Amino acid sequence: MAERLKDDADLKLEALFRSEPVRDDGFSARVLVRVRRQMWVRRLSLPIAIAIGAVFAVKPLAQLADSLPKIVGIVPQGLVNIIDFPLEGMLQGTIIVPGIMLLAAMLMIGRMLEE
């Protein structure tokens, strides 16, 4: 609120410290345009790279999730009884991977909105 209310002394001080912009033939404006463009490229390149990588990783991750019960079948029965982990009740890999991808996408979108 104090920033909005200015008396004569404040206005005089602002007039004293106000200076003319430095003449640079538009150099600073070009730099700002380039910096803003690079900022958008950086913001978009990481999510796009993650999405492309996730598309390539879906099939191997699904195969890994499918072969996990077979791998656990090799483990001795005594060790499986100690762990007592119900592998049959686990979610399918086709549900887990898109869920993780959706969570990552939401986190990236939230980060982009904060900036």
PDB file of N, CA and C in Angstrom:
ATOM      1  N   MET A   1       0.822  -1.179   0.000  1.00  0.00           N
ATOM      2  CA  MET A   1       0.000   0.000   0.000  1.00  0.00           C
ATOM      3  C   MET A   1       0.868   1.246   0.000  1.00  0.00           C
ATOM      4  N   ALA A   2       2.014   1.176   0.701  1.00  0.00           N
ATOM      5  CA  ALA A   2       2.893   2.342   0.776  1.00  0.00           C
ATOM      6  C   ALA A   2       3.506   2.660  -0.586  1.00  0.00           C
ATOM      7  N   GLU A   3       3.653   1.645  -1.443  1.00  0.00           N
ATOM      8  CA  GLU A   3       4.225   1.892  -2.763  1.00  0.00           C
ATOM      9  C   GLU A   3       3.278   2.695  -3.644  1.00  0.00           C
ATOM     10  N   ARG A   4       1.990   2.580  -3.391  1.00  0.00           N
ATOM     11  CA  ARG A   4       1.011   3.282  -4.216  1.00  0.00           C
ATOM     12  C   ARG A   4       0.827   4.732  -3.791  1.00  0.00           C
ATOM     13  N   LEU A   5       1.008   4.989  -2.523  1.00  0.00           N
ATOM     14  CA  LEU A   5       0.833   6.347  -2.011  1.00  0.00           C
ATOM     15  C   LEU A   5       2.165   7.075  -2.069  1.00  0.00           C
ATOM     16  N   LYS A   6       2.247   8.063  -2.917  1.00  0.00           N
ATOM     17  CA  LYS A   6       3.495   8.807  -3.070  1.00  0.00           C
ATOM     18  C   LYS A   6       3.204  10.286  -2.855  1.00  0.00           C
ATOM     19  N   ASP A   7       4.032  10.887  -2.029  1.00  0.00           N
ATOM     20  CA  ASP A   7       3.876  12.326  -1.807  1.00  0.00           C
ATOM     21  C   ASP A   7       4.838  13.091  -2.714  1.00  0.00           C
ATOM     22  N   ASP A   8       4.914  14.379  -2.518  1.00  0.00           N
ATOM     23  CA  ASP A   8       5.758  15.215  -3.377  1.00  0.00           C
ATOM     24  C   ASP A   8       7.232  14.849  -3.266  1.00  0.00           C
ATOM     25  N   ALA A   9       7.681  14.531  -2.047  1.00  0.00           N
ATOM     26  CA  ALA A   9       9.094  14.187  -1.861  1.00  0.00           C
ATOM     27  C   ALA A   9       9.450  12.913  -2.633  1.00  0.00           C
ATOM     28  N   ASP A  10       8.553  11.928  -2.598  1.00  0.00           N
ATOM     29  CA  ASP A  10       8.806  10.691  -3.347  1.00  0.00           C
ATOM     30  C   ASP A  10       8.880  10.952  -4.847  1.00  0.00           C
ATOM     31  N   LEU A  11       7.978  11.759  -5.343  1.00  0.00           N
ATOM     32  CA  LEU A  11       7.977  12.066  -6.775  1.00  0.00           C
ATOM     33  C   LEU A  11       9.232  12.813  -7.193  1.00  0.00           C
ATOM     34  N   LYS A  12       9.692  13.750  -6.332  1.00  0.00           N
ATOM     35  CA  LYS A  12      10.919  14.492  -6.646  1.00  0.00           C
ATOM     36  C   LYS A  12      12.135  13.561  -6.651  1.00  0.00           C
ATOM     37  N   LEU A  13      12.190  12.638  -5.683  1.00  0.00           N
ATOM     38  CA  LEU A  13      13.302  11.684  -5.645  1.00  0.00           C
ATOM     39  C   LEU A  13      13.297  10.772  -6.876  1.00  0.00           C
ATOM     40  N   GLU A  14      12.125  10.321  -7.272  1.00  0.00           N
ATOM     41  CA  GLU A  14      12.049   9.491  -8.469  1.00  0.00           C
ATOM     42  C   GLU A  14      12.497  10.261  -9.701  1.00  0.00           C
ATOM     43  N   ALA A  15      12.148  11.532  -9.767  1.00  0.00           N
ATOM     44  CA  ALA A  15      12.556  12.356 -10.909  1.00  0.00           C
ATOM     45  C   ALA A  15      14.068  12.546 -10.922  1.00  0.00           C
ATOM     46  N   LEU A  16      14.684  12.669  -9.741  1.00  0.00           N
ATOM     47  CA  LEU A  16      16.136  12.827  -9.672  1.00  0.00           C
ATOM     48  C   LEU A  16      16.865  11.565 -10.143  1.00  0.00           C
ATOM     49  N   PHE A  17      16.361  10.414  -9.744  1.00  0.00           N
ATOM     50  CA  PHE A  17      17.052   9.164 -10.074  1.00  0.00           C
ATOM     51  C   PHE A  17      16.640   8.587 -11.423  1.00  0.00           C
ATOM     52  N   ARG A  18      15.631   9.139 -12.030  1.00  0.00           N
ATOM     53  CA  ARG A  18      15.195   8.668 -13.338  1.00  0.00           C
ATOM     54  C   ARG A  18      16.246   9.076 -14.370  1.00  0.00           C
ATOM     55  N   SER A  19      16.592   8.164 -15.208  1.00  0.00           N
ATOM     56  CA  SER A  19      17.587   8.484 -16.232  1.00  0.00           C
ATOM     57  C   SER A  19      17.061   8.048 -17.593  1.00  0.00           C
ATOM     58  N   GLU A  20      17.653   8.608 -18.610  1.00  0.00           N
ATOM     59  CA  GLU A  20      17.269   8.226 -19.959  1.00  0.00           C
ATOM     60  C   GLU A  20      17.866   6.859 -20.278  1.00  0.00           C
ATOM     61  N   PRO A  21      17.148   6.075 -21.051  1.00  0.00           N
ATOM     62  CA  PRO A  21      17.720   4.774 -21.415  1.00  0.00           C
ATOM     63  C   PRO A  21      18.977   4.949 -22.261  1.00  0.00           C
ATOM     64  N   VAL A  22      19.889   4.041 -22.078  1.00  0.00           N
ATOM     65  CA  VAL A  22      21.139   4.074 -22.824  1.00  0.00           C
ATOM     66  C   VAL A  22      20.840   3.713 -24.276  1.00  0.00           C
ATOM     67  N   ARG A  23      21.382   4.482 -25.189  1.00  0.00           N
ATOM     68  CA  ARG A  23      21.156   4.228 -26.609  1.00  0.00           C
ATOM     69  C   ARG A  23      22.085   3.106 -27.070  1.00  0.00           C
ATOM     70  N   ASP A  24      21.462   2.022 -27.453  1.00  0.00           N
ATOM     71  CA  ASP A  24      22.257   0.876 -27.889  1.00  0.00           C
ATOM     72  C   ASP A  24      21.760   0.300 -29.212  1.00  0.00           C
ATOM     73  N   ASP A  25      20.997   1.057 -29.940  1.00  0.00           N
ATOM     74  CA  ASP A  25      20.484   0.663 -31.254  1.00  0.00           C
ATOM     75  C   ASP A  25      19.690  -0.646 -31.206  1.00  0.00           C
ATOM     76  N   GLY A  26      18.937  -0.848 -30.137  1.00  0.00           N
ATOM     77  CA  GLY A  26      18.085  -2.030 -30.019  1.00  0.00           C
ATOM     78  C   GLY A  26      18.793  -3.295 -29.593  1.00  0.00           C
ATOM     79  N   PHE A  27      20.049  -3.188 -29.154  1.00  0.00           N
ATOM     80  CA  PHE A  27      20.809  -4.377 -28.764  1.00  0.00           C
ATOM     81  C   PHE A  27      20.158  -5.080 -27.577  1.00  0.00           C
ATOM     82  N   SER A  28      19.789  -4.320 -26.546  1.00  0.00           N
ATOM     83  CA  SER A  28      19.211  -4.944 -25.353  1.00  0.00           C
ATOM     84  C   SER A  28      17.872  -5.602 -25.675  1.00  0.00           C
ATOM     85  N   ALA A  29      17.093  -5.019 -26.562  1.00  0.00           N
ATOM     86  CA  ALA A  29      15.820  -5.633 -26.949  1.00  0.00           C
ATOM     87  C   ALA A  29      16.060  -6.954 -27.683  1.00  0.00           C
ATOM     88  N   ARG A  30      17.067  -7.007 -28.546  1.00  0.00           N
ATOM     89  CA  ARG A  30      17.378  -8.254 -29.259  1.00  0.00           C
ATOM     90  C   ARG A  30      17.864  -9.333 -28.293  1.00  0.00           C
ATOM     91  N   VAL A  31      18.660  -8.912 -27.309  1.00  0.00           N
ATOM     92  CA  VAL A  31      19.150  -9.874 -26.322  1.00  0.00           C
ATOM     93  C   VAL A  31      17.980 -10.440 -25.516  1.00  0.00           C
ATOM     94  N   LEU A  32      17.056  -9.574 -25.113  1.00  0.00           N
ATOM     95  CA  LEU A  32      15.901 -10.046 -24.350  1.00  0.00           C
ATOM     96  C   LEU A  32      15.047 -11.013 -25.164  1.00  0.00           C
ATOM     97  N   VAL A  33      14.869 -10.747 -26.441  1.00  0.00           N
ATOM     98  CA  VAL A  33      14.100 -11.658 -27.294  1.00  0.00           C
ATOM     99  C   VAL A  33      14.792 -13.011 -27.375  1.00  0.00           C
ATOM    100  N   ARG A  34      16.092 -13.007 -27.552  1.00  0.00           N
ATOM    101  CA  ARG A  34      16.844 -14.264 -27.652  1.00  0.00           C
ATOM    102  C   ARG A  34      16.793 -15.042 -26.335  1.00  0.00           C
ATOM    103  N   VAL A  35      16.935 -14.339 -25.212  1.00  0.00           N
ATOM    104  CA  VAL A  35      16.896 -15.013 -23.910  1.00  0.00           C
ATOM    105  C   VAL A  35      15.520 -15.625 -23.673  1.00  0.00           C
ATOM    106  N   ARG A  36      14.467 -14.886 -23.998  1.00  0.00           N
ATOM    107  CA  ARG A  36      13.113 -15.424 -23.815  1.00  0.00           C
ATOM    108  C   ARG A  36      12.881 -16.639 -24.705  1.00  0.00           C
ATOM    109  N   ARG A  37      13.364 -16.600 -25.935  1.00  0.00           N
ATOM    110  CA  ARG A  37      13.200 -17.734 -26.847  1.00  0.00           C
ATOM    111  C   ARG A  37      13.950 -18.951 -26.312  1.00  0.00           C
ATOM    112  N   GLN A  38      15.176 -18.751 -25.851  1.00  0.00           N
ATOM    113  CA  GLN A  38      15.953 -19.869 -25.319  1.00  0.00           C
ATOM    114  C   GLN A  38      15.304 -20.438 -24.064  1.00  0.00           C
ATOM    115  N   MET A  39      14.670 -19.582 -23.272  1.00  0.00           N
ATOM    116  CA  MET A  39      14.013 -20.046 -22.066  1.00  0.00           C
ATOM    117  C   MET A  39      12.855 -20.985 -22.420  1.00  0.00           C
ATOM    118  N   TRP A  40      12.076 -20.641 -23.447  1.00  0.00           N
ATOM    119  CA  TRP A  40      10.974 -21.508 -23.862  1.00  0.00           C
ATOM    120  C   TRP A  40      11.492 -22.810 -24.461  1.00  0.00           C
ATOM    121  N   VAL A  41      12.581 -22.741 -25.194  1.00  0.00           N
ATOM    122  CA  VAL A  41      13.155 -23.965 -25.764  1.00  0.00           C
ATOM    123  C   VAL A  41      13.600 -24.894 -24.647  1.00  0.00           C
ATOM    124  N   ARG A  42      14.219 -24.345 -23.626  1.00  0.00           N
ATOM    125  CA  ARG A  42      14.663 -25.173 -22.502  1.00  0.00           C
ATOM    126  C   ARG A  42      13.482 -25.751 -21.743  1.00  0.00           C
ATOM    127  N   ARG A  43      12.441 -24.964 -21.564  1.00  0.00           N
ATOM    128  CA  ARG A  43      11.269 -25.452 -20.838  1.00  0.00           C
ATOM    129  C   ARG A  43      10.566 -26.575 -21.588  1.00  0.00           C
ATOM    130  N   LEU A  44      10.565 -26.520 -22.894  1.00  0.00           N
ATOM    131  CA  LEU A  44       9.846 -27.528 -23.673  1.00  0.00           C
ATOM    132  C   LEU A  44      10.700 -28.730 -24.046  1.00  0.00           C
ATOM    133  N   SER A  45      12.012 -28.562 -24.130  1.00  0.00           N
ATOM    134  CA  SER A  45      12.853 -29.662 -24.605  1.00  0.00           C
ATOM    135  C   SER A  45      12.894 -30.824 -23.615  1.00  0.00           C
ATOM    136  N   LEU A  46      12.967 -30.552 -22.328  1.00  0.00           N
ATOM    137  CA  LEU A  46      13.034 -31.640 -21.355  1.00  0.00           C
ATOM    138  C   LEU A  46      11.741 -32.456 -21.310  1.00  0.00           C
ATOM    139  N   PRO A  47      10.558 -31.842 -21.224  1.00  0.00           N
ATOM    140  CA  PRO A  47       9.348 -32.673 -21.244  1.00  0.00           C
ATOM    141  C   PRO A  47       9.177 -33.463 -22.539  1.00  0.00           C
ATOM    142  N   ILE A  48       9.543 -32.873 -23.663  1.00  0.00           N
ATOM    143  CA  ILE A  48       9.426 -33.597 -24.931  1.00  0.00           C
ATOM    144  C   ILE A  48      10.394 -34.775 -24.956  1.00  0.00           C
ATOM    145  N   ALA A  49      11.612 -34.568 -24.475  1.00  0.00           N
ATOM    146  CA  ALA A  49      12.593 -35.658 -24.436  1.00  0.00           C
ATOM    147  C   ALA A  49      12.133 -36.770 -23.494  1.00  0.00           C
ATOM    148  N   ILE A  50      11.547 -36.397 -22.369  1.00  0.00           N
ATOM    149  CA  ILE A  50      11.045 -37.406 -21.433  1.00  0.00           C
ATOM    150  C   ILE A  50       9.895 -38.185 -22.058  1.00  0.00           C
ATOM    151  N   ALA A  51       9.011 -37.490 -22.754  1.00  0.00           N
ATOM    152  CA  ALA A  51       7.878 -38.168 -23.388  1.00  0.00           C
ATOM    153  C   ALA A  51       8.353 -39.138 -24.467  1.00  0.00           C
ATOM    154  N   ILE A  52       9.308 -38.720 -25.279  1.00  0.00           N
ATOM    155  CA  ILE A  52       9.830 -39.604 -26.326  1.00  0.00           C
ATOM    156  C   ILE A  52      10.539 -40.805 -25.704  1.00  0.00           C
ATOM    157  N   GLY A  53      11.326 -40.565 -24.670  1.00  0.00           N
ATOM    158  CA  GLY A  53      11.995 -41.669 -23.982  1.00  0.00           C
ATOM    159  C   GLY A  53      11.009 -42.623 -23.330  1.00  0.00           C
ATOM    160  N   ALA A  54       9.929 -42.073 -22.778  1.00  0.00           N
ATOM    161  CA  ALA A  54       8.916 -42.925 -22.155  1.00  0.00           C
ATOM    162  C   ALA A  54       8.205 -43.787 -23.188  1.00  0.00           C
ATOM    163  N   VAL A  55       7.982 -43.233 -24.369  1.00  0.00           N
ATOM    164  CA  VAL A  55       7.346 -44.025 -25.434  1.00  0.00           C
ATOM    165  C   VAL A  55       8.228 -45.217 -25.799  1.00  0.00           C
ATOM    166  N   PHE A  56       9.527 -44.996 -25.880  1.00  0.00           N
ATOM    167  CA  PHE A  56      10.434 -46.099 -26.196  1.00  0.00           C
ATOM    168  C   PHE A  56      10.562 -47.080 -25.033  1.00  0.00           C
ATOM    169  N   ALA A  57      10.372 -46.608 -23.802  1.00  0.00           N
ATOM    170  CA  ALA A  57      10.578 -47.453 -22.630  1.00  0.00           C
ATOM    171  C   ALA A  57       9.345 -48.250 -22.233  1.00  0.00           C
ATOM    172  N   VAL A  58       8.197 -47.958 -22.796  1.00  0.00           N
ATOM    173  CA  VAL A  58       6.965 -48.630 -22.375  1.00  0.00           C
ATOM    174  C   VAL A  58       7.036 -50.136 -22.629  1.00  0.00           C
ATOM    175  N   LYS A  59       7.423 -50.533 -23.815  1.00  0.00           N
ATOM    176  CA  LYS A  59       7.442 -51.963 -24.153  1.00  0.00           C
ATOM    177  C   LYS A  59       8.448 -52.742 -23.300  1.00  0.00           C
ATOM    178  N   PRO A  60       9.708 -52.280 -23.156  1.00  0.00           N
ATOM    179  CA  PRO A  60      10.632 -53.032 -22.293  1.00  0.00           C
ATOM    180  C   PRO A  60      10.177 -53.081 -20.833  1.00  0.00           C
ATOM    181  N   LEU A  61       9.592 -51.993 -20.343  1.00  0.00           N
ATOM    182  CA  LEU A  61       9.113 -52.011 -18.960  1.00  0.00           C
ATOM    183  C   LEU A  61       7.938 -52.970 -18.795  1.00  0.00           C
ATOM    184  N   ALA A  62       7.065 -53.031 -19.779  1.00  0.00           N
ATOM    185  CA  ALA A  62       5.951 -53.977 -19.718  1.00  0.00           C
ATOM    186  C   ALA A  62       6.464 -55.415 -19.765  1.00  0.00           C
ATOM    187  N   GLN A  63       7.472 -55.671 -20.596  1.00  0.00           N
ATOM    188  CA  GLN A  63       8.056 -57.013 -20.655  1.00  0.00           C
ATOM    189  C   GLN A  63       8.735 -57.367 -19.337  1.00  0.00           C
ATOM    190  N   LEU A  64       9.396 -56.392 -18.726  1.00  0.00           N
ATOM    191  CA  LEU A  64      10.043 -56.635 -17.436  1.00  0.00           C
ATOM    192  C   LEU A  64       9.003 -56.935 -16.364  1.00  0.00           C
ATOM    193  N   ALA A  65       7.925 -56.174 -16.346  1.00  0.00           N
ATOM    194  CA  ALA A  65       6.868 -56.429 -15.373  1.00  0.00           C
ATOM    195  C   ALA A  65       6.206 -57.780 -15.622  1.00  0.00           C
ATOM    196  N   ASP A  66       6.123 -58.193 -16.873  1.00  0.00           N
ATOM    197  CA  ASP A  66       5.531 -59.486 -17.205  1.00  0.00           C
ATOM    198  C   ASP A  66       6.445 -60.639 -16.792  1.00  0.00           C
ATOM    199  N   SER A  67       7.746 -60.454 -16.903  1.00  0.00           N
ATOM    200  CA  SER A  67       8.679 -61.537 -16.571  1.00  0.00           C
ATOM    201  C   SER A  67       9.042 -61.573 -15.089  1.00  0.00           C
ATOM    202  N   LEU A  68       8.624 -60.604 -14.315  1.00  0.00           N
ATOM    203  CA  LEU A  68       8.966 -60.570 -12.888  1.00  0.00           C
ATOM    204  C   LEU A  68       8.450 -61.803 -12.138  1.00  0.00           C
ATOM    205  N   PRO A  69       7.199 -62.237 -12.324  1.00  0.00           N
ATOM    206  CA  PRO A  69       6.774 -63.464 -11.622  1.00  0.00           C
ATOM    207  C   PRO A  69       7.575 -64.698 -12.041  1.00  0.00           C
ATOM    208  N   LYS A  70       8.006 -64.776 -13.290  1.00  0.00           N
ATOM    209  CA  LYS A  70       8.813 -65.913 -13.739  1.00  0.00           C
ATOM    210  C   LYS A  70      10.176 -65.907 -13.061  1.00  0.00           C
ATOM    211  N   ILE A  71      10.739 -64.708 -12.910  1.00  0.00           N
ATOM    212  CA  ILE A  71      12.043 -64.595 -12.248  1.00  0.00           C
ATOM    213  C   ILE A  71      11.918 -64.978 -10.785  1.00  0.00           C
ATOM    214  N   VAL A  72      10.828 -64.540 -10.159  1.00  0.00           N
ATOM    215  CA  VAL A  72      10.625 -64.864  -8.749  1.00  0.00           C
ATOM    216  C   VAL A  72      10.360 -66.361  -8.585  1.00  0.00           C
ATOM    217  N   GLY A  73       9.840 -67.013  -9.607  1.00  0.00           N
ATOM    218  CA  GLY A  73       9.612 -68.459  -9.544  1.00  0.00           C
ATOM    219  C   GLY A  73      10.898 -69.247  -9.441  1.00  0.00           C
ATOM    220  N   ILE A  74      12.006 -68.673  -9.848  1.00  0.00           N
ATOM    221  CA  ILE A  74      13.308 -69.341  -9.769  1.00  0.00           C
ATOM    222  C   ILE A  74      13.835 -69.330  -8.334  1.00  0.00           C
ATOM    223  N   VAL A  75      13.402 -68.350  -7.547  1.00  0.00           N
ATOM    224  CA  VAL A  75      13.861 -68.211  -6.161  1.00  0.00           C
ATOM    225  C   VAL A  75      13.356 -69.411  -5.360  1.00  0.00           C
ATOM    226  N   PRO A  76      14.172 -69.954  -4.458  1.00  0.00           N
ATOM    227  CA  PRO A  76      13.739 -71.103  -3.651  1.00  0.00           C
ATOM    228  C   PRO A  76      12.463 -70.792  -2.860  1.00  0.00           C
ATOM    229  N   GLN A  77      11.631 -71.829  -2.662  1.00  0.00           N
ATOM    230  CA  GLN A  77      10.335 -71.654  -2.014  1.00  0.00           C
ATOM    231  C   GLN A  77      10.487 -71.170  -0.574  1.00  0.00           C
ATOM    232  N   GLY A  78      11.519 -71.601   0.110  1.00  0.00           N
ATOM    233  CA  GLY A  78      11.730 -71.159   1.494  1.00  0.00           C
ATOM    234  C   GLY A  78      11.945 -69.657   1.582  1.00  0.00           C
ATOM    235  N   LEU A  79      12.677 -69.108   0.631  1.00  0.00           N
ATOM    236  CA  LEU A  79      12.914 -67.664   0.617  1.00  0.00           C
ATOM    237  C   LEU A  79      11.644 -66.905   0.252  1.00  0.00           C
ATOM    238  N   VAL A  80      10.843 -67.463  -0.630  1.00  0.00           N
ATOM    239  CA  VAL A  80       9.588 -66.813  -1.014  1.00  0.00           C
ATOM    240  C   VAL A  80       8.634 -66.781   0.173  1.00  0.00           C
ATOM    241  N   ASN A  81       8.605 -67.852   0.966  1.00  0.00           N
ATOM    242  CA  ASN A  81       7.735 -67.876   2.142  1.00  0.00           C
ATOM    243  C   ASN A  81       8.178 -66.859   3.180  1.00  0.00           C
ATOM    244  N   ILE A  82       9.476 -66.612   3.273  1.00  0.00           N
ATOM    245  CA  ILE A  82       9.967 -65.605   4.221  1.00  0.00           C
ATOM    246  C   ILE A  82       9.518 -64.218   3.779  1.00  0.00           C
ATOM    247  N   ILE A  83       9.638 -63.949   2.507  1.00  0.00           N
ATOM    248  CA  ILE A  83       9.263 -62.629   2.000  1.00  0.00           C
ATOM    249  C   ILE A  83       7.745 -62.466   2.033  1.00  0.00           C
ATOM    250  N   ASP A  84       6.993 -63.509   1.625  1.00  0.00           N
ATOM    251  CA  ASP A  84       5.532 -63.521   1.601  1.00  0.00           C
ATOM    252  C   ASP A  84       4.969 -62.293   0.896  1.00  0.00           C
ATOM    253  N   PHE A  85       5.410 -62.094  -0.318  1.00  0.00           N
ATOM    254  CA  PHE A  85       4.976 -60.946  -1.129  1.00  0.00           C
ATOM    255  C   PHE A  85       4.021 -61.445  -2.204  1.00  0.00           C
ATOM    256  N   PRO A  86       2.765 -61.035  -2.186  1.00  0.00           N
ATOM    257  CA  PRO A  86       1.797 -61.554  -3.170  1.00  0.00           C
ATOM    258  C   PRO A  86       2.002 -60.932  -4.549  1.00  0.00           C
ATOM    259  N   LEU A  87       2.699 -61.618  -5.420  1.00  0.00           N
ATOM    260  CA  LEU A  87       2.961 -61.091  -6.756  1.00  0.00           C
ATOM    261  C   LEU A  87       1.734 -61.159  -7.656  1.00  0.00           C
ATOM    262  N   GLU A  88       0.814 -62.074  -7.365  1.00  0.00           N
ATOM    263  CA  GLU A  88      -0.369 -62.184  -8.209  1.00  0.00           C
ATOM    264  C   GLU A  88      -1.268 -60.958  -8.062  1.00  0.00           C
ATOM    265  N   GLY A  89      -1.234 -60.330  -6.906  1.00  0.00           N
ATOM    266  CA  GLY A  89      -2.098 -59.175  -6.660  1.00  0.00           C
ATOM    267  C   GLY A  89      -1.518 -57.859  -7.140  1.00  0.00           C
ATOM    268  N   MET A  90      -0.323 -57.906  -7.710  1.00  0.00           N
ATOM    269  CA  MET A  90       0.286 -56.656  -8.180  1.00  0.00           C
ATOM    270  C   MET A  90      -0.458 -56.115  -9.386  1.00  0.00           C
ATOM    271  N   LEU A  91      -0.400 -54.818  -9.541  1.00  0.00           N
ATOM    272  CA  LEU A  91      -0.994 -54.196 -10.720  1.00  0.00           C
ATOM    273  C   LEU A  91      -0.224 -54.616 -11.965  1.00  0.00           C
ATOM    274  N   GLN A  92      -0.891 -54.627 -13.059  1.00  0.00           N
ATOM    275  CA  GLN A  92      -0.244 -54.969 -14.315  1.00  0.00           C
ATOM    276  C   GLN A  92       0.745 -53.876 -14.700  1.00  0.00           C
ATOM    277  N   GLY A  93       1.773 -54.247 -15.423  1.00  0.00           N
ATOM    278  CA  GLY A  93       2.756 -53.270 -15.889  1.00  0.00           C
ATOM    279  C   GLY A  93       2.156 -52.260 -16.841  1.00  0.00           C
ATOM    280  N   THR A  94       1.087 -52.674 -17.521  1.00  0.00           N
ATOM    281  CA  THR A  94       0.445 -51.743 -18.451  1.00  0.00           C
ATOM    282  C   THR A  94      -0.314 -50.647 -17.721  1.00  0.00           C
ATOM    283  N   ILE A  95      -0.565 -50.806 -16.441  1.00  0.00           N
ATOM    284  CA  ILE A  95      -1.213 -49.757 -15.646  1.00  0.00           C
ATOM    285  C   ILE A  95      -0.169 -48.926 -14.920  1.00  0.00           C
ATOM    286  N   ILE A  96       0.882 -49.557 -14.447  1.00  0.00           N
ATOM    287  CA  ILE A  96       1.899 -48.859 -13.662  1.00  0.00           C
ATOM    288  C   ILE A  96       2.659 -47.849 -14.513  1.00  0.00           C
ATOM    289  N   VAL A  97       3.103 -48.263 -15.676  1.00  0.00           N
ATOM    290  CA  VAL A  97       3.923 -47.385 -16.521  1.00  0.00           C
ATOM    291  C   VAL A  97       3.167 -46.129 -16.949  1.00  0.00           C
ATOM    292  N   PRO A  98       1.946 -46.238 -17.475  1.00  0.00           N
ATOM    293  CA  PRO A  98       1.232 -44.988 -17.809  1.00  0.00           C
ATOM    294  C   PRO A  98       0.935 -44.128 -16.587  1.00  0.00           C
ATOM    295  N   GLY A  99       0.724 -44.768 -15.440  1.00  0.00           N
ATOM    296  CA  GLY A  99       0.506 -43.995 -14.220  1.00  0.00           C
ATOM    297  C   GLY A  99       1.730 -43.186 -13.839  1.00  0.00           C
ATOM    298  N   ILE A 100       2.893 -43.796 -13.939  1.00  0.00           N
ATOM    299  CA  ILE A 100       4.137 -43.080 -13.649  1.00  0.00           C
ATOM    300  C   ILE A 100       4.363 -41.974 -14.672  1.00  0.00           C
ATOM    301  N   MET A 101       4.069 -42.271 -15.937  1.00  0.00           N
ATOM    302  CA  MET A 101       4.225 -41.246 -16.975  1.00  0.00           C
ATOM    303  C   MET A 101       3.278 -40.076 -16.735  1.00  0.00           C
ATOM    304  N   LEU A 102       2.043 -40.363 -16.339  1.00  0.00           N
ATOM    305  CA  LEU A 102       1.078 -39.305 -16.056  1.00  0.00           C
ATOM    306  C   LEU A 102       1.522 -38.469 -14.868  1.00  0.00           C
ATOM    307  N   LEU A 103       2.039 -39.114 -13.827  1.00  0.00           N
ATOM    308  CA  LEU A 103       2.538 -38.382 -12.669  1.00  0.00           C
ATOM    309  C   LEU A 103       3.704 -37.479 -13.057  1.00  0.00           C
ATOM    310  N   ALA A 104       4.635 -37.997 -13.844  1.00  0.00           N
ATOM    311  CA  ALA A 104       5.779 -37.189 -14.277  1.00  0.00           C
ATOM    312  C   ALA A 104       5.326 -36.017 -15.134  1.00  0.00           C
ATOM    313  N   ALA A 105       4.365 -36.247 -16.012  1.00  0.00           N
ATOM    314  CA  ALA A 105       3.859 -35.158 -16.858  1.00  0.00           C
ATOM    315  C   ALA A 105       3.190 -34.085 -16.013  1.00  0.00           C
ATOM    316  N   MET A 106       2.421 -34.490 -15.024  1.00  0.00           N
ATOM    317  CA  MET A 106       1.754 -33.512 -14.160  1.00  0.00           C
ATOM    318  C   MET A 106       2.779 -32.702 -13.360  1.00  0.00           C
ATOM    319  N   LEU A 107       3.827 -33.356 -12.889  1.00  0.00           N
ATOM    320  CA  LEU A 107       4.868 -32.635 -12.155  1.00  0.00           C
ATOM    321  C   LEU A 107       5.583 -31.635 -13.052  1.00  0.00           C
ATOM    322  N   MET A 108       5.859 -32.027 -14.299  1.00  0.00           N
ATOM    323  CA  MET A 108       6.524 -31.102 -15.224  1.00  0.00           C
ATOM    324  C   MET A 108       5.619 -29.932 -15.585  1.00  0.00           C
ATOM    325  N   ILE A 109       4.336 -30.205 -15.792  1.00  0.00           N
ATOM    326  CA  ILE A 109       3.405 -29.120 -16.106  1.00  0.00           C
ATOM    327  C   ILE A 109       3.291 -28.170 -14.928  1.00  0.00           C
ATOM    328  N   GLY A 110       3.248 -28.707 -13.723  1.00  0.00           N
ATOM    329  CA  GLY A 110       3.202 -27.849 -12.537  1.00  0.00           C
ATOM    330  C   GLY A 110       4.441 -26.989 -12.409  1.00  0.00           C
ATOM    331  N   ARG A 111       5.583 -27.566 -12.718  1.00  0.00           N
ATOM    332  CA  ARG A 111       6.824 -26.784 -12.647  1.00  0.00           C
ATOM    333  C   ARG A 111       6.842 -25.677 -13.699  1.00  0.00           C
ATOM    334  N   MET A 112       6.350 -25.993 -14.899  1.00  0.00           N
ATOM    335  CA  MET A 112       6.306 -24.980 -15.953  1.00  0.00           C
ATOM    336  C   MET A 112       5.347 -23.856 -15.587  1.00  0.00           C
ATOM    337  N   LEU A 113       4.236 -24.188 -14.932  1.00  0.00           N
ATOM    338  CA  LEU A 113       3.284 -23.158 -14.537  1.00  0.00           C
ATOM    339  C   LEU A 113       3.843 -22.270 -13.434  1.00  0.00           C
ATOM    340  N   GLU A 114       4.673 -22.833 -12.555  1.00  0.00           N
ATOM    341  CA  GLU A 114       5.286 -22.026 -11.503  1.00  0.00           C
ATOM    342  C   GLU A 114       6.241 -20.999 -12.071  1.00  0.00           C
ATOM    343  N   GLU A 115       6.970 -21.381 -13.110  1.00  0.00           N
ATOM    344  CA  GLU A 115       7.932 -20.454 -13.698  1.00  0.00           C
ATOM    345  C   GLU A 115       7.192 -19.477 -14.552  1.00  0.00           C
TER     346      GLU A 115
END
